[in-house]
Amino acid sequence: MADSNHNAIRCRTHVPVASGTLAAQPRLGSPQAGFVLVATLVAIAVIALGAAYFAGQVDSLRNNARQMASWAEAEREAFSVRETLMFAAAAGLRDEGGLNYANSVLATDGRPYRISETLKIFVQDERGLIGINTLDERLLARFLTSIGVPADQQPRLIDTLLDYMDPDDLRRLNGAEAAEYRRANLPPPTNDFLRTREQLRDLVAWRDLFGKLAEAEAVSPGIQTRFLDLFSTARHFGLNLNSASGQVLAMVQGIDPARVPALLDQRKARAFTSLAQLAPYTNGPIDEEYLGLIGAYDLRVTVQKEGLPFLLECQLTITAADADRPARLKECTRRPATATSSGLADEFRRALAPEINLRSTPETVPIRPSNFANRNDLPDARQPVESAIPSWLAVAPSPAGTSGR
């Protein structure tokens, strides 16, 4: 009995090891062991590459977060200056010099004001621009001529713009209505005032003009934006002599284009308070009903902040008759940073006239003699006059909470 139990135990002790246990593992140096080693190295490499990729993504997200935080802080400072300006527009007065508040005048002719080392502001009175919604056809025709648009193409541009805004579907001789837009695969005319100046791109005839300007972007970055910036959708009449740009003043009937630089120098030193002071800069009669000396109730405010890859543009409207809301912020948009960069002299003519070499050196504008013998026919010396920062804008909040200069 004891022997039989001993034999049974011995038999159970010598039971063969099942498949897949230690006894079935590959021996060192066998092909199976080499495969396992290679697979392990590949897995480690994949894990390392994955870790490196995710580390790069984390760094990228961290950098983006820092950049967004920087942009947010820069925008905060820009918005703070905008709010200060909005309050001044509501509480101040408009006069020949621009916006008068707290015994300091802010010119509204689009000149740059440096608020701090990293912040600049531009304020443009909308009456100093070409009004789209209150179109003066003669003024627009002279402007198109000044930038090199052939005379036979100008009626098409003017009539198309008028057809786009008028409430009827009657097509002008050189205009375009819904049928022409359908053929061009474009949205039909709105038959209403333009809400933004960018809508000019939607007009069939104007698209060709913008196409030529787009071709010049490589030489004059931002040329399309600077072209659009000459127009205004504010519904005002006339042109403010004290805020119109040189490009706009050069096309005003009676103003000598050769004397415009001298006119701008004089205006920067002291705003015109009478149209009679314009006499040295004219070559004929001027339309005194069209030209004025006071700005509109609409202001275009552009803030340029170092660290922001765009310009912040806001439209302000002074509503003086509303005691509860004397100023209104219409909208704010982001504009290309190249909008304020200076291009070539006469850049629009160079872009629209294919025979002019865009890369050539700008030619000197000849000085045309005045029609009046008692005037100085030579141009005034161009002496830049630095604009003093109004006292209420001289201090701008900085990110650290300290004051700028």
Protein backbone atom coordinates (compact mmCIF):
# COMPACT_ATOMS: atom_id res chain seq x y z
CA MET A 1 0.00 0.00 0.00
CA ALA A 2 2.84 2.37 0.88
CA ASP A 3 4.69 1.46 -2.32
CA SER A 4 1.67 2.15 -4.44
CA ASN A 5 1.24 5.61 -2.87
CA HIS A 6 4.94 6.37 -3.38
CA ASN A 7 4.74 5.38 -7.03
CA ALA A 8 1.64 7.56 -7.48
CA ILE A 9 3.41 10.59 -6.01
CA ARG A 10 6.48 9.95 -8.18
CA CYS A 11 4.28 9.74 -11.27
CA ARG A 12 2.61 13.06 -10.45
CA THR A 13 6.04 14.60 -9.95
CA HIS A 14 7.21 13.69 -13.43
CA VAL A 15 4.15 15.02 -15.30
CA PRO A 16 5.43 16.83 -18.47
CA VAL A 17 5.33 20.67 -18.39
CA ALA A 18 2.49 22.10 -20.45
CA SER A 19 3.12 24.00 -23.64
CA GLY A 20 3.74 27.81 -23.17
CA THR A 21 5.52 27.49 -19.82
CA LEU A 22 9.15 28.28 -19.06
CA ALA A 23 10.25 25.07 -20.67
CA ALA A 24 8.78 26.26 -24.02
CA GLN A 25 10.64 29.67 -24.02
CA PRO A 26 13.12 30.22 -26.87
CA ARG A 27 16.73 29.63 -26.10
CA LEU A 28 19.24 32.48 -26.14
CA GLY A 29 20.61 32.95 -29.65
CA SER A 30 17.60 31.36 -31.33
CA PRO A 31 15.72 33.20 -34.16
CA GLN A 32 12.73 33.70 -31.87
CA ALA A 33 14.84 35.54 -29.28
CA GLY A 34 16.19 37.92 -32.00
CA PHE A 35 12.70 38.75 -33.17
CA VAL A 36 11.57 39.61 -29.63
CA LEU A 37 14.59 41.90 -29.20
CA VAL A 38 13.92 43.76 -32.46
CA ALA A 39 10.23 44.15 -31.63
CA THR A 40 11.13 45.54 -28.23
CA LEU A 41 13.53 48.09 -29.73
CA VAL A 42 10.92 49.16 -32.29
CA ALA A 43 8.34 49.60 -29.55
CA ILE A 44 10.77 51.73 -27.52
CA ALA A 45 11.53 53.87 -30.59
CA VAL A 46 7.83 54.39 -31.32
CA ILE A 47 7.21 55.38 -27.72
CA ALA A 48 10.16 57.79 -27.82
CA LEU A 49 8.92 59.39 -31.05
CA GLY A 50 5.42 59.67 -29.61
CA ALA A 51 6.76 61.29 -26.47
CA ALA A 52 8.81 63.75 -28.53
CA TYR A 53 5.78 64.59 -30.69
CA PHE A 54 3.54 65.21 -27.71
CA ALA A 55 6.27 67.25 -26.03
CA GLY A 56 6.48 69.41 -29.16
CA GLN A 57 2.71 69.81 -29.17
CA VAL A 58 2.75 70.84 -25.53
CA ASP A 59 5.49 73.42 -26.25
CA SER A 60 3.51 74.72 -29.23
CA LEU A 61 0.36 75.04 -27.15
CA ARG A 62 2.32 76.76 -24.41
CA ASN A 63 3.79 79.23 -26.91
CA ASN A 64 0.36 79.84 -28.44
CA ALA A 65 -1.06 80.44 -24.98
CA ARG A 66 1.68 82.97 -24.23
CA GLN A 67 1.08 84.67 -27.61
CA MET A 68 -2.66 84.81 -27.04
CA ALA A 69 -2.09 86.25 -23.58
CA SER A 70 0.22 88.87 -25.11
CA TRP A 71 -2.37 89.73 -27.76
CA ALA A 72 -5.09 89.95 -25.15
CA GLU A 73 -3.02 92.37 -23.08
CA ALA A 74 -2.18 94.43 -26.14
CA GLU A 75 -5.85 94.53 -27.13
CA ARG A 76 -6.76 95.55 -23.59
CA GLU A 77 -4.47 98.55 -23.86
CA ALA A 78 -5.80 99.38 -27.33
CA PHE A 79 -9.40 99.17 -26.13
CA SER A 80 -8.55 101.36 -23.13
CA VAL A 81 -7.28 104.13 -25.43
CA ARG A 82 -10.35 103.70 -27.60
CA GLU A 83 -12.64 104.14 -24.59
CA THR A 84 -10.76 107.29 -23.58
CA LEU A 85 -11.19 108.67 -27.08
CA MET A 86 -14.86 107.72 -27.12
CA PHE A 87 -15.43 109.65 -23.90
CA ALA A 88 -13.57 112.67 -25.29
CA ALA A 89 -15.68 112.53 -28.46
CA ALA A 90 -18.84 112.52 -26.35
CA ALA A 91 -17.79 115.32 -24.00
CA GLY A 92 -15.65 117.42 -26.34
CA LEU A 93 -16.33 119.74 -29.26
CA ARG A 94 -15.58 119.60 -32.96
CA ASP A 95 -13.74 122.58 -34.37
CA GLU A 96 -11.45 123.38 -37.29
CA GLY A 97 -8.50 121.65 -35.63
CA GLY A 98 -10.36 118.40 -34.98
CA LEU A 99 -11.62 117.10 -31.64
CA ASN A 100 -11.28 119.65 -28.85
CA TYR A 101 -11.45 118.26 -25.34
CA ALA A 102 -9.97 119.50 -22.05
CA ASN A 103 -8.31 122.43 -23.83
CA SER A 104 -6.33 120.05 -26.07
CA VAL A 105 -7.02 119.39 -29.73
CA LEU A 106 -6.69 116.03 -31.46
CA ALA A 107 -6.34 116.38 -35.22
CA THR A 108 -8.72 114.15 -37.16
CA ASP A 109 -6.84 114.04 -40.46
CA GLY A 110 -5.43 110.55 -39.97
CA ARG A 111 -2.00 111.64 -38.72
CA PRO A 112 -0.29 109.27 -36.26
CA TYR A 113 -0.16 110.10 -32.57
CA ARG A 114 2.34 108.13 -30.51
CA ILE A 115 0.73 107.43 -27.15
CA SER A 116 3.61 105.33 -25.84
CA GLU A 117 6.68 103.58 -27.18
CA THR A 118 4.54 100.69 -28.43
CA LEU A 119 1.18 102.33 -29.14
CA LYS A 120 0.05 104.67 -31.92
CA ILE A 121 -3.40 105.97 -32.77
CA PHE A 122 -4.84 107.43 -35.98
CA VAL A 123 -8.15 109.35 -36.05
CA GLN A 124 -9.77 110.13 -39.38
CA ASP A 125 -12.80 112.35 -39.83
CA GLU A 126 -15.08 110.58 -42.29
CA ARG A 127 -15.88 113.89 -44.01
CA GLY A 128 -12.29 114.01 -45.19
CA LEU A 129 -12.87 110.94 -47.40
CA ILE A 130 -14.77 110.09 -50.58
CA GLY A 131 -18.37 109.48 -49.61
CA ILE A 132 -19.77 106.38 -51.29
CA ASN A 133 -23.36 106.66 -50.11
CA THR A 134 -23.54 110.41 -50.82
CA LEU A 135 -21.64 110.13 -54.06
CA ASP A 136 -20.38 113.22 -55.84
CA GLU A 137 -19.97 111.88 -59.38
CA ARG A 138 -17.64 114.68 -60.46
CA LEU A 139 -15.37 114.14 -57.47
CA LEU A 140 -15.23 110.39 -58.08
CA ALA A 141 -14.52 110.96 -61.78
CA ARG A 142 -11.61 113.28 -60.94
CA PHE A 143 -10.32 110.74 -58.46
CA LEU A 144 -10.47 107.93 -61.03
CA THR A 145 -8.63 110.17 -63.47
CA SER A 146 -5.96 110.99 -60.87
CA ILE A 147 -5.19 107.31 -60.29
CA GLY A 148 -4.94 106.48 -64.00
CA VAL A 149 -8.32 104.95 -64.81
CA PRO A 150 -9.00 105.61 -68.53
CA ALA A 151 -11.85 108.03 -69.22
CA ASP A 152 -13.82 105.45 -71.20
CA GLN A 153 -13.90 103.12 -68.15
CA GLN A 154 -15.03 105.68 -65.60
CA PRO A 155 -18.77 105.76 -66.53
CA ARG A 156 -18.91 102.01 -66.04
CA LEU A 157 -17.51 102.29 -62.50
CA ILE A 158 -19.78 105.19 -61.53
CA ASP A 159 -22.99 103.77 -63.01
CA THR A 160 -22.33 100.35 -61.52
CA LEU A 161 -21.95 101.88 -58.06
CA LEU A 162 -25.15 103.90 -58.43
CA ASP A 163 -27.11 100.88 -59.71
CA TYR A 164 -25.86 98.82 -56.78
CA MET A 165 -27.35 101.29 -54.28
CA ASP A 166 -30.52 102.62 -55.89
CA PRO A 167 -33.80 100.92 -54.89
CA ASP A 168 -34.98 100.09 -58.42
CA ASP A 169 -33.98 97.45 -60.98
CA LEU A 170 -33.60 99.88 -63.86
CA ARG A 171 -30.16 99.57 -65.39
CA ARG A 172 -28.22 102.71 -66.18
CA LEU A 173 -26.51 103.04 -69.53
CA ASN A 174 -23.17 101.75 -68.21
CA GLY A 175 -24.47 100.15 -65.03
CA ALA A 176 -25.36 96.63 -63.92
CA GLU A 177 -28.40 95.10 -62.27
CA ALA A 178 -29.30 91.61 -61.08
CA ALA A 179 -29.06 89.99 -64.55
CA GLU A 180 -25.42 91.10 -64.99
CA TYR A 181 -24.53 89.80 -61.54
CA ARG A 182 -26.14 86.44 -62.26
CA ARG A 183 -24.06 86.11 -65.43
CA ALA A 184 -20.96 86.93 -63.38
CA ASN A 185 -22.02 84.38 -60.72
CA LEU A 186 -22.14 87.10 -58.06
CA PRO A 187 -24.72 88.03 -55.43
CA PRO A 188 -27.24 90.58 -56.77
CA PRO A 189 -27.09 94.27 -55.82
CA THR A 190 -28.34 95.13 -52.36
CA ASN A 191 -30.32 98.13 -53.67
CA ASP A 192 -29.35 99.94 -50.49
CA PHE A 193 -26.55 102.06 -49.08
CA LEU A 194 -23.23 100.27 -48.67
CA ARG A 195 -22.66 99.21 -45.09
CA THR A 196 -18.87 98.82 -45.43
CA ARG A 197 -16.38 100.10 -47.95
CA GLU A 198 -15.25 96.50 -48.55
CA GLN A 199 -18.52 95.97 -50.44
CA LEU A 200 -16.92 97.78 -53.37
CA ARG A 201 -15.20 94.46 -54.09
CA ASP A 202 -18.63 92.95 -54.85
CA LEU A 203 -19.39 95.30 -57.74
CA VAL A 204 -18.87 93.76 -61.16
CA ALA A 205 -16.93 96.63 -62.71
CA TRP A 206 -14.90 97.31 -59.59
CA ARG A 207 -13.68 93.72 -59.33
CA ASP A 208 -11.37 94.26 -62.30
CA LEU A 209 -9.92 97.36 -60.65
CA PHE A 210 -9.23 95.44 -57.44
CA GLY A 211 -7.71 92.64 -59.48
CA LYS A 212 -5.11 95.05 -60.85
CA LEU A 213 -4.41 96.38 -57.38
CA ALA A 214 -3.95 92.81 -56.13
CA GLU A 215 -1.23 92.26 -58.71
CA ALA A 216 0.69 95.17 -57.20
CA GLU A 217 0.61 93.80 -53.65
CA ALA A 218 4.07 92.26 -54.05
CA VAL A 219 5.55 95.70 -54.66
CA SER A 220 3.18 97.78 -52.53
CA PRO A 221 1.92 95.60 -49.66
CA GLY A 222 -1.45 96.78 -48.40
CA ILE A 223 -2.27 98.83 -51.49
CA GLN A 224 -5.83 97.47 -51.68
CA THR A 225 -6.48 98.40 -48.06
CA ARG A 226 -5.06 101.89 -48.56
CA PHE A 227 -7.27 102.29 -51.62
CA LEU A 228 -10.38 101.31 -49.65
CA ASP A 229 -9.37 103.61 -46.81
CA LEU A 230 -9.96 106.61 -49.08
CA PHE A 231 -13.70 105.85 -49.08
CA SER A 232 -16.34 106.34 -46.42
CA THR A 233 -19.84 104.93 -45.98
CA ALA A 234 -20.87 107.74 -43.61
CA ARG A 235 -23.82 109.70 -44.98
CA HIS A 236 -22.49 113.22 -44.95
CA PHE A 237 -22.27 115.99 -47.52
CA GLY A 238 -19.19 117.84 -48.62
CA LEU A 239 -15.50 117.55 -47.86
CA ASN A 240 -13.64 118.82 -44.81
CA LEU A 241 -10.59 120.79 -45.93
CA ASN A 242 -8.94 120.24 -42.54
CA SER A 243 -9.16 116.45 -42.56
CA ALA A 244 -8.98 115.34 -46.21
CA SER A 245 -5.87 113.40 -47.21
CA GLY A 246 -3.50 114.65 -49.86
CA GLN A 247 -4.78 112.04 -52.31
CA VAL A 248 -8.34 113.37 -51.88
CA LEU A 249 -7.39 117.06 -51.89
CA ALA A 250 -5.49 116.66 -55.15
CA MET A 251 -8.74 115.89 -56.99
CA VAL A 252 -10.81 118.77 -55.57
CA GLN A 253 -11.76 121.24 -58.24
CA GLY A 254 -9.78 124.45 -57.88
CA ILE A 255 -6.97 123.05 -55.71
CA ASP A 256 -3.59 122.92 -57.44
CA PRO A 257 -2.28 119.33 -57.07
CA ALA A 258 1.30 120.60 -57.15
CA ARG A 259 0.60 122.75 -54.08
CA VAL A 260 -1.06 120.02 -52.01
CA PRO A 261 2.16 119.08 -50.12
CA ALA A 262 2.56 122.72 -49.05
CA LEU A 263 -1.11 122.84 -48.09
CA LEU A 264 -0.68 119.79 -45.85
CA ASP A 265 2.37 121.32 -44.19
CA GLN A 266 0.45 124.51 -43.45
CA ARG A 267 -2.55 122.60 -42.16
CA LYS A 268 -0.39 120.51 -39.87
CA ALA A 269 1.05 123.65 -38.33
CA ARG A 270 -2.32 125.41 -38.04
CA ALA A 271 -5.77 124.34 -39.18
CA PHE A 272 -7.59 126.48 -41.73
CA THR A 273 -10.26 128.69 -40.18
CA SER A 274 -11.47 130.29 -43.41
CA LEU A 275 -11.70 129.14 -47.02
CA ALA A 276 -10.03 132.41 -48.00
CA GLN A 277 -6.81 131.01 -46.52
CA LEU A 278 -6.88 128.38 -49.25
CA ALA A 279 -6.10 130.96 -51.97
CA PRO A 280 -2.32 130.32 -52.20
CA TYR A 281 -2.99 126.66 -52.96
CA THR A 282 -5.58 127.00 -55.73
CA ASN A 283 -5.42 127.38 -59.50
CA GLY A 284 -9.02 128.33 -60.07
CA PRO A 285 -12.39 128.82 -58.37
CA ILE A 286 -13.42 126.36 -55.68
CA ASP A 287 -16.84 125.09 -54.69
CA GLU A 288 -17.36 126.85 -51.37
CA GLU A 289 -20.60 124.97 -50.74
CA TYR A 290 -18.86 121.63 -51.06
CA LEU A 291 -15.69 122.45 -49.10
CA GLY A 292 -16.02 122.90 -45.35
CA LEU A 293 -13.83 123.35 -42.29
CA ILE A 294 -15.57 121.21 -39.65
CA GLY A 295 -15.60 117.44 -39.49
CA ALA A 296 -18.53 115.05 -39.52
CA TYR A 297 -20.02 113.21 -36.56
CA ASP A 298 -18.31 110.03 -37.71
CA LEU A 299 -14.72 109.16 -36.79
CA ARG A 300 -12.58 106.26 -37.91
CA VAL A 301 -10.18 105.30 -35.11
CA THR A 302 -7.25 103.00 -35.84
CA VAL A 303 -5.01 101.69 -33.06
CA GLN A 304 -1.61 100.19 -33.82
CA LYS A 305 -0.06 98.26 -30.96
CA GLU A 306 3.33 96.60 -31.03
CA GLY A 307 2.83 92.89 -30.50
CA LEU A 308 -0.44 92.77 -32.43
CA PRO A 309 -0.13 91.44 -36.00
CA PHE A 310 -3.13 93.52 -37.04
CA LEU A 311 -4.61 97.00 -36.66
CA LEU A 312 -7.70 97.57 -34.56
CA GLU A 313 -10.14 99.84 -36.39
CA CYS A 314 -13.29 101.21 -34.74
CA GLN A 315 -16.07 103.41 -36.05
CA LEU A 316 -17.30 106.08 -33.63
CA THR A 317 -20.37 108.23 -34.12
CA ILE A 318 -20.97 111.36 -32.06
CA THR A 319 -24.65 111.59 -31.18
CA ALA A 320 -24.65 114.95 -29.46
CA ALA A 321 -28.45 115.20 -29.46
CA ASP A 322 -28.73 112.09 -27.29
CA ALA A 323 -27.98 113.11 -23.71
CA ASP A 324 -27.95 109.51 -22.48
CA ARG A 325 -25.66 108.25 -25.24
CA PRO A 326 -23.62 111.14 -26.68
CA ALA A 327 -21.22 108.78 -28.51
CA ARG A 328 -21.83 105.41 -30.10
CA LEU A 329 -19.41 102.67 -31.06
CA LYS A 330 -20.65 101.26 -34.36
CA GLU A 331 -18.19 98.41 -34.92
CA CYS A 332 -14.59 97.30 -34.49
CA THR A 333 -12.69 95.22 -37.01
CA ARG A 334 -9.18 93.90 -37.48
CA ARG A 335 -7.30 95.40 -40.39
CA PRO A 336 -4.08 94.24 -42.10
CA ALA A 337 -0.97 95.56 -40.40
CA THR A 338 0.32 96.76 -43.80
CA ALA A 339 -2.54 99.24 -44.16
CA THR A 340 -0.51 102.15 -42.78
CA SER A 341 2.77 101.24 -44.46
CA SER A 342 3.82 103.76 -47.07
CA GLY A 343 3.96 102.56 -50.63
CA LEU A 344 5.49 104.13 -53.70
CA ALA A 345 4.58 107.67 -54.59
CA ASP A 346 1.56 107.68 -56.88
CA GLU A 347 1.16 103.97 -56.14
CA PHE A 348 -2.41 103.67 -57.44
CA ARG A 349 -1.52 105.10 -60.84
CA ARG A 350 1.47 102.80 -61.03
CA ALA A 351 -0.66 99.80 -60.19
CA LEU A 352 -3.42 100.60 -62.68
CA ALA A 353 -1.23 101.77 -65.58
CA PRO A 354 0.59 98.73 -67.04
CA GLU A 355 3.01 100.92 -68.98
CA ILE A 356 4.49 102.28 -65.74
CA ASN A 357 7.17 100.13 -64.16
CA LEU A 358 6.13 99.43 -60.57
CA ARG A 359 9.73 98.86 -59.54
CA SER A 360 11.04 102.11 -60.99
CA THR A 361 11.99 105.06 -58.84
CA PRO A 362 9.06 107.44 -58.30
CA GLU A 363 9.34 110.47 -60.53
CA THR A 364 9.26 114.00 -59.19
CA VAL A 365 5.89 115.67 -59.68
CA PRO A 366 6.36 118.75 -61.85
CA ILE A 367 5.34 122.05 -60.34
CA ARG A 368 2.69 123.78 -62.44
CA PRO A 369 2.73 127.58 -62.25
CA SER A 370 -0.19 129.24 -60.57
CA ASN A 371 -2.75 131.18 -62.58
CA PHE A 372 -2.26 134.19 -60.34
CA ALA A 373 0.87 136.32 -60.77
CA ASN A 374 1.02 137.53 -57.16
CA ARG A 375 1.52 134.04 -55.74
CA ASN A 376 4.69 132.20 -54.93
CA ASP A 377 4.89 129.44 -57.53
CA LEU A 378 7.61 127.50 -55.76
CA PRO A 379 6.67 124.74 -53.31
CA ASP A 380 7.07 125.45 -49.63
CA ALA A 381 9.86 123.65 -47.80
CA ARG A 382 8.68 120.38 -46.36
CA GLN A 383 9.41 120.73 -42.67
CA PRO A 384 7.76 118.04 -40.61
CA VAL A 385 5.83 119.34 -37.62
CA GLU A 386 5.53 116.88 -34.77
CA SER A 387 2.00 116.69 -33.40
CA ALA A 388 1.81 117.15 -29.66
CA ILE A 389 -0.11 114.46 -27.84
CA PRO A 390 -3.30 115.85 -26.27
CA SER A 391 -3.02 115.92 -22.50
CA TRP A 392 -5.93 113.52 -22.06
CA LEU A 393 -4.19 110.96 -24.31
CA ALA A 394 -0.64 111.54 -23.11
CA VAL A 395 -0.90 108.83 -20.46
CA ALA A 396 -1.94 105.36 -21.57
CA PRO A 397 -2.20 102.30 -19.30
CA SER A 398 0.66 99.86 -19.68
CA PRO A 399 0.51 96.09 -19.05
CA ALA A 400 2.29 96.53 -15.72
CA GLY A 401 -0.14 99.19 -14.62
CA THR A 402 2.37 102.02 -14.97
CA SER A 403 1.89 105.05 -17.13
CA GLY A 404 3.37 105.53 -20.58
CA ARG A 405 4.74 108.82 -21.67
